[in-house]
Structure formats: C-alpha cells, structure tokens
Amino acid sequence: MSKYLVQANYVGEGIKGLLKDGGSVRRTVVEKLFKSVGGTIEAFYYAFGDTDLFVIADLPDNVSAASLALTVASTGTVTCKITVLLTPEEIDAVAKKSPNYRAPGQ
C-alpha cells in the first residue's frame, strides 16, 4: 500500500453539511469512503487556516486515490488535493537511480 496526504476544503453546502453533521460523523463517512477502495486512515485532523482537513491514509494505488479525489470533487461540496508520500527508504532507492537527462538549453 502507498501512503497519501489528503488536504480538503469544505465549500458552499459542504460547510453547512459539516456544521449539521459534526466532525465525528464526517470522519466516519470518510473512513467508509477509504475502506470502499481498500484503504485505511492513519490520521484525520480538522484545522483552521488555508486547509480545513488533513488526512493521512494508505491506499492500494494511484488509481484508487484518483477515484476518491474525483468522487469527492464531483459533489461540488469539497475540494481535494492528494499528495503521494514517500518513506525515507523509498528516497534511498530513488537516490540509487541514475536517469539519463539533459536540461533544456544544454
């Protein structure tokens, strides 16, 4: 499984829904959403500032992550940004790769 950071913002009717349902109910809904594609949630936090919600989760693959993002965005009540997270060991493996690349103009 791969780890992902989800950053979400409630908009319009989504804000009203959050206020009506409360944070715990929305967390349960999101947990069921991730479970429906074979994922699990590691951390779930509301915040104030530029981002309303942070979720760290495990998902089987990028297709599952994209499916969640599109499903949520299609409601028009939440905007969503998903970032793939890499472990230090994955970065070690990256550092051992030697891609052949020429920078533009060189």
N, C-alpha and C. Protein backbone atom coordinates (compact mmCIF):
# COMPACT_ATOMS: atom_id res chain seq x y z
N MET A 1 0.84 -1.18 0.00
CA MET A 1 0.00 0.00 0.00
C MET A 1 0.88 1.24 0.00
N SER A 2 0.38 2.28 -0.61
CA SER A 2 1.07 3.55 -0.64
C SER A 2 0.39 4.51 0.33
N LYS A 3 1.17 5.46 0.83
CA LYS A 3 0.66 6.42 1.79
C LYS A 3 0.40 7.75 1.07
N TYR A 4 -0.70 8.40 1.46
CA TYR A 4 -1.13 9.64 0.82
C TYR A 4 -1.51 10.67 1.87
N LEU A 5 -1.28 11.94 1.52
CA LEU A 5 -1.75 13.06 2.31
C LEU A 5 -2.90 13.69 1.54
N VAL A 6 -4.05 13.78 2.18
CA VAL A 6 -5.22 14.41 1.57
C VAL A 6 -5.45 15.73 2.29
N GLN A 7 -5.56 16.80 1.50
CA GLN A 7 -5.91 18.11 2.03
C GLN A 7 -7.24 18.51 1.41
N ALA A 8 -8.21 18.82 2.25
CA ALA A 8 -9.54 19.12 1.75
C ALA A 8 -10.07 20.42 2.34
N ASN A 9 -10.93 21.05 1.56
CA ASN A 9 -11.63 22.26 2.00
C ASN A 9 -13.11 22.12 1.70
N TYR A 10 -13.92 22.42 2.69
CA TYR A 10 -15.36 22.42 2.51
C TYR A 10 -15.77 23.73 1.84
N VAL A 11 -16.68 23.66 0.88
CA VAL A 11 -17.17 24.85 0.19
C VAL A 11 -18.69 24.82 0.14
N GLY A 12 -19.30 25.99 0.15
CA GLY A 12 -20.75 26.11 -0.01
C GLY A 12 -21.55 25.19 0.90
N GLU A 13 -22.33 24.31 0.29
CA GLU A 13 -23.19 23.39 1.04
C GLU A 13 -22.38 22.41 1.88
N GLY A 14 -21.12 22.18 1.51
CA GLY A 14 -20.26 21.30 2.30
C GLY A 14 -20.02 21.84 3.70
N ILE A 15 -19.86 23.15 3.80
CA ILE A 15 -19.67 23.79 5.11
C ILE A 15 -20.94 23.61 5.94
N LYS A 16 -22.08 23.83 5.32
CA LYS A 16 -23.35 23.65 6.04
C LYS A 16 -23.52 22.20 6.49
N GLY A 17 -23.13 21.27 5.62
CA GLY A 17 -23.22 19.85 5.97
C GLY A 17 -22.32 19.49 7.13
N LEU A 18 -21.10 20.03 7.15
CA LEU A 18 -20.18 19.77 8.25
C LEU A 18 -20.75 20.31 9.56
N LEU A 19 -21.30 21.51 9.52
CA LEU A 19 -21.89 22.09 10.73
C LEU A 19 -23.10 21.28 11.20
N LYS A 20 -23.87 20.75 10.26
CA LYS A 20 -25.05 19.95 10.60
C LYS A 20 -24.66 18.59 11.16
N ASP A 21 -23.74 17.89 10.44
CA ASP A 21 -23.36 16.52 10.82
C ASP A 21 -22.37 16.47 11.97
N GLY A 22 -21.47 17.43 12.02
CA GLY A 22 -20.39 17.41 13.01
C GLY A 22 -19.17 16.68 12.47
N GLY A 23 -18.06 16.89 13.12
CA GLY A 23 -16.79 16.33 12.67
C GLY A 23 -16.70 14.82 12.77
N SER A 24 -17.24 14.24 13.83
CA SER A 24 -17.16 12.78 14.02
C SER A 24 -17.93 12.02 12.95
N VAL A 25 -19.10 12.52 12.61
CA VAL A 25 -19.90 11.87 11.57
C VAL A 25 -19.17 11.94 10.23
N ARG A 26 -18.59 13.10 9.92
CA ARG A 26 -17.86 13.23 8.65
C ARG A 26 -16.64 12.31 8.64
N ARG A 27 -15.95 12.16 9.78
CA ARG A 27 -14.81 11.25 9.84
C ARG A 27 -15.26 9.82 9.52
N THR A 28 -16.39 9.40 10.08
CA THR A 28 -16.91 8.06 9.81
C THR A 28 -17.22 7.88 8.34
N VAL A 29 -17.81 8.90 7.71
CA VAL A 29 -18.11 8.85 6.28
C VAL A 29 -16.83 8.69 5.47
N VAL A 30 -15.80 9.46 5.82
CA VAL A 30 -14.52 9.40 5.09
C VAL A 30 -13.84 8.05 5.31
N GLU A 31 -13.91 7.52 6.51
CA GLU A 31 -13.35 6.19 6.77
C GLU A 31 -14.02 5.14 5.88
N LYS A 32 -15.33 5.20 5.76
CA LYS A 32 -16.06 4.26 4.89
C LYS A 32 -15.67 4.46 3.42
N LEU A 33 -15.47 5.71 3.02
CA LEU A 33 -15.05 6.01 1.66
C LEU A 33 -13.72 5.33 1.36
N PHE A 34 -12.73 5.51 2.22
CA PHE A 34 -11.42 4.91 2.01
C PHE A 34 -11.50 3.38 2.05
N LYS A 35 -12.27 2.85 2.97
CA LYS A 35 -12.43 1.40 3.07
C LYS A 35 -13.04 0.83 1.80
N SER A 36 -13.93 1.59 1.15
CA SER A 36 -14.62 1.10 -0.04
C SER A 36 -13.68 0.85 -1.21
N VAL A 37 -12.48 1.43 -1.18
CA VAL A 37 -11.49 1.18 -2.23
C VAL A 37 -10.27 0.43 -1.69
N GLY A 38 -10.42 -0.16 -0.51
CA GLY A 38 -9.35 -0.97 0.06
C GLY A 38 -8.33 -0.20 0.87
N GLY A 39 -8.67 1.02 1.29
CA GLY A 39 -7.73 1.84 2.04
C GLY A 39 -8.06 1.93 3.51
N THR A 40 -7.14 2.54 4.26
CA THR A 40 -7.34 2.80 5.68
C THR A 40 -6.83 4.19 6.01
N ILE A 41 -7.38 4.77 7.07
CA ILE A 41 -6.96 6.11 7.51
C ILE A 41 -6.06 5.97 8.72
N GLU A 42 -4.92 6.63 8.65
CA GLU A 42 -3.96 6.65 9.76
C GLU A 42 -4.21 7.84 10.68
N ALA A 43 -4.49 9.00 10.09
CA ALA A 43 -4.72 10.22 10.87
C ALA A 43 -5.78 11.07 10.17
N PHE A 44 -6.58 11.76 10.97
CA PHE A 44 -7.69 12.58 10.46
C PHE A 44 -7.78 13.80 11.37
N TYR A 45 -7.46 14.98 10.82
CA TYR A 45 -7.46 16.21 11.62
C TYR A 45 -8.13 17.35 10.88
N TYR A 46 -8.99 18.06 11.61
CA TYR A 46 -9.52 19.33 11.12
C TYR A 46 -8.53 20.43 11.52
N ALA A 47 -8.53 21.51 10.75
CA ALA A 47 -7.64 22.63 11.04
C ALA A 47 -8.34 23.92 10.62
N PHE A 48 -7.81 25.02 11.06
CA PHE A 48 -8.26 26.29 10.50
C PHE A 48 -7.07 26.99 9.92
N GLY A 49 -7.34 27.74 8.87
CA GLY A 49 -6.28 28.35 8.06
C GLY A 49 -6.62 28.09 6.61
N ASP A 50 -5.62 27.78 5.82
CA ASP A 50 -5.83 27.56 4.39
C ASP A 50 -6.48 26.23 4.07
N THR A 51 -6.34 25.25 4.96
CA THR A 51 -6.87 23.90 4.72
C THR A 51 -7.78 23.51 5.88
N ASP A 52 -8.96 22.95 5.54
CA ASP A 52 -9.93 22.56 6.57
C ASP A 52 -9.66 21.18 7.15
N LEU A 53 -9.11 20.29 6.34
CA LEU A 53 -9.00 18.89 6.76
C LEU A 53 -7.71 18.28 6.22
N PHE A 54 -7.02 17.54 7.09
CA PHE A 54 -5.84 16.77 6.71
C PHE A 54 -6.09 15.31 7.03
N VAL A 55 -5.82 14.44 6.06
CA VAL A 55 -5.97 13.00 6.26
C VAL A 55 -4.69 12.34 5.76
N ILE A 56 -4.13 11.45 6.57
CA ILE A 56 -3.03 10.60 6.13
C ILE A 56 -3.62 9.20 6.04
N ALA A 57 -3.45 8.58 4.87
CA ALA A 57 -4.12 7.31 4.63
C ALA A 57 -3.25 6.39 3.78
N ASP A 58 -3.56 5.11 3.87
CA ASP A 58 -2.97 4.09 3.00
C ASP A 58 -4.01 3.71 1.95
N LEU A 59 -3.57 3.67 0.71
CA LEU A 59 -4.43 3.25 -0.40
C LEU A 59 -3.67 2.26 -1.27
N PRO A 60 -4.40 1.38 -1.94
CA PRO A 60 -3.72 0.36 -2.76
C PRO A 60 -2.88 0.94 -3.89
N ASP A 61 -3.32 2.06 -4.49
CA ASP A 61 -2.62 2.56 -5.68
C ASP A 61 -3.13 3.95 -6.04
N ASN A 62 -2.47 4.55 -7.05
CA ASN A 62 -2.85 5.89 -7.50
C ASN A 62 -4.24 5.92 -8.13
N VAL A 63 -4.65 4.82 -8.75
CA VAL A 63 -5.99 4.76 -9.35
C VAL A 63 -7.04 4.91 -8.25
N SER A 64 -6.84 4.25 -7.13
CA SER A 64 -7.77 4.37 -6.00
C SER A 64 -7.79 5.80 -5.47
N ALA A 65 -6.60 6.41 -5.35
CA ALA A 65 -6.52 7.79 -4.87
C ALA A 65 -7.24 8.74 -5.81
N ALA A 66 -7.02 8.58 -7.11
CA ALA A 66 -7.69 9.43 -8.09
C ALA A 66 -9.20 9.23 -8.05
N SER A 67 -9.63 8.00 -7.87
CA SER A 67 -11.06 7.70 -7.79
C SER A 67 -11.70 8.43 -6.61
N LEU A 68 -11.02 8.42 -5.47
CA LEU A 68 -11.54 9.15 -4.30
C LEU A 68 -11.62 10.64 -4.58
N ALA A 69 -10.54 11.20 -5.13
CA ALA A 69 -10.49 12.63 -5.38
C ALA A 69 -11.60 13.07 -6.34
N LEU A 70 -11.79 12.31 -7.41
CA LEU A 70 -12.82 12.67 -8.39
C LEU A 70 -14.23 12.51 -7.82
N THR A 71 -14.43 11.46 -7.04
CA THR A 71 -15.74 11.23 -6.43
C THR A 71 -16.10 12.36 -5.49
N VAL A 72 -15.16 12.75 -4.65
CA VAL A 72 -15.40 13.83 -3.69
C VAL A 72 -15.59 15.16 -4.42
N ALA A 73 -14.73 15.45 -5.38
CA ALA A 73 -14.82 16.73 -6.12
C ALA A 73 -16.12 16.84 -6.90
N SER A 74 -16.63 15.70 -7.37
CA SER A 74 -17.85 15.73 -8.19
C SER A 74 -19.07 16.22 -7.42
N THR A 75 -19.00 16.20 -6.09
CA THR A 75 -20.14 16.67 -5.29
C THR A 75 -20.25 18.18 -5.28
N GLY A 76 -19.14 18.87 -5.56
CA GLY A 76 -19.15 20.32 -5.51
C GLY A 76 -19.17 20.89 -4.10
N THR A 77 -19.04 20.04 -3.08
CA THR A 77 -19.10 20.49 -1.69
C THR A 77 -17.74 20.47 -1.00
N VAL A 78 -16.76 19.85 -1.65
CA VAL A 78 -15.43 19.73 -1.07
C VAL A 78 -14.40 19.81 -2.20
N THR A 79 -13.33 20.56 -1.97
CA THR A 79 -12.20 20.50 -2.88
C THR A 79 -11.14 19.63 -2.22
N CYS A 80 -10.34 18.97 -3.04
CA CYS A 80 -9.44 17.96 -2.51
C CYS A 80 -8.12 17.98 -3.26
N LYS A 81 -7.03 17.85 -2.52
CA LYS A 81 -5.69 17.73 -3.09
C LYS A 81 -5.06 16.50 -2.46
N ILE A 82 -4.54 15.59 -3.28
CA ILE A 82 -3.91 14.38 -2.76
C ILE A 82 -2.44 14.36 -3.16
N THR A 83 -1.58 14.11 -2.17
CA THR A 83 -0.14 14.06 -2.38
C THR A 83 0.36 12.66 -2.02
N VAL A 84 1.15 12.07 -2.90
CA VAL A 84 1.78 10.78 -2.60
C VAL A 84 2.91 11.03 -1.61
N LEU A 85 2.96 10.25 -0.54
CA LEU A 85 4.01 10.37 0.45
C LEU A 85 5.03 9.25 0.26
N LEU A 86 6.30 9.59 0.41
CA LEU A 86 7.38 8.61 0.24
C LEU A 86 8.12 8.42 1.56
N THR A 87 8.51 7.20 1.83
CA THR A 87 9.28 6.90 3.04
C THR A 87 10.74 7.27 2.82
N PRO A 88 11.52 7.41 3.89
CA PRO A 88 12.95 7.64 3.73
C PRO A 88 13.63 6.51 2.93
N GLU A 89 13.16 5.29 3.10
CA GLU A 89 13.73 4.17 2.37
C GLU A 89 13.43 4.26 0.87
N GLU A 90 12.27 4.77 0.54
CA GLU A 90 11.96 4.97 -0.88
C GLU A 90 12.86 6.04 -1.49
N ILE A 91 13.16 7.07 -0.73
CA ILE A 91 14.07 8.11 -1.21
C ILE A 91 15.47 7.54 -1.36
N ASP A 92 15.89 6.62 -0.46
CA ASP A 92 17.17 5.93 -0.62
C ASP A 92 17.22 5.22 -1.97
N ALA A 93 16.13 4.54 -2.32
CA ALA A 93 16.07 3.82 -3.59
C ALA A 93 16.09 4.80 -4.77
N VAL A 94 15.43 5.93 -4.61
CA VAL A 94 15.43 6.96 -5.65
C VAL A 94 16.86 7.45 -5.88
N ALA A 95 17.59 7.69 -4.80
CA ALA A 95 18.94 8.22 -4.90
C ALA A 95 19.88 7.27 -5.63
N LYS A 96 19.56 5.99 -5.65
CA LYS A 96 20.40 4.99 -6.32
C LYS A 96 20.12 4.91 -7.82
N LYS A 97 19.06 5.53 -8.28
CA LYS A 97 18.73 5.53 -9.71
C LYS A 97 19.60 6.56 -10.42
N SER A 98 19.89 6.33 -11.66
CA SER A 98 20.70 7.26 -12.47
C SER A 98 20.01 7.54 -13.80
N PRO A 99 18.94 8.31 -13.78
CA PRO A 99 18.26 8.62 -15.04
C PRO A 99 19.17 9.41 -15.99
N ASN A 100 19.00 9.19 -17.27
CA ASN A 100 19.73 9.93 -18.30
C ASN A 100 18.88 11.12 -18.70
N TYR A 101 19.37 12.34 -18.41
CA TYR A 101 18.57 13.55 -18.65
C TYR A 101 19.49 14.69 -19.07
N ARG A 102 19.01 15.50 -20.00
CA ARG A 102 19.70 16.71 -20.43
C ARG A 102 18.77 17.89 -20.15
N ALA A 103 19.23 18.86 -19.40
CA ALA A 103 18.42 20.03 -19.07
C ALA A 103 18.14 20.85 -20.33
N PRO A 104 17.03 21.56 -20.38
CA PRO A 104 16.73 22.40 -21.55
C PRO A 104 17.85 23.41 -21.78
N GLY A 105 18.23 23.56 -23.04
CA GLY A 105 19.25 24.54 -23.42
C GLY A 105 20.68 24.07 -23.23
N GLN A 106 20.90 22.87 -22.76
CA GLN A 106 22.27 22.38 -22.54
C GLN A 106 22.67 21.38 -23.60
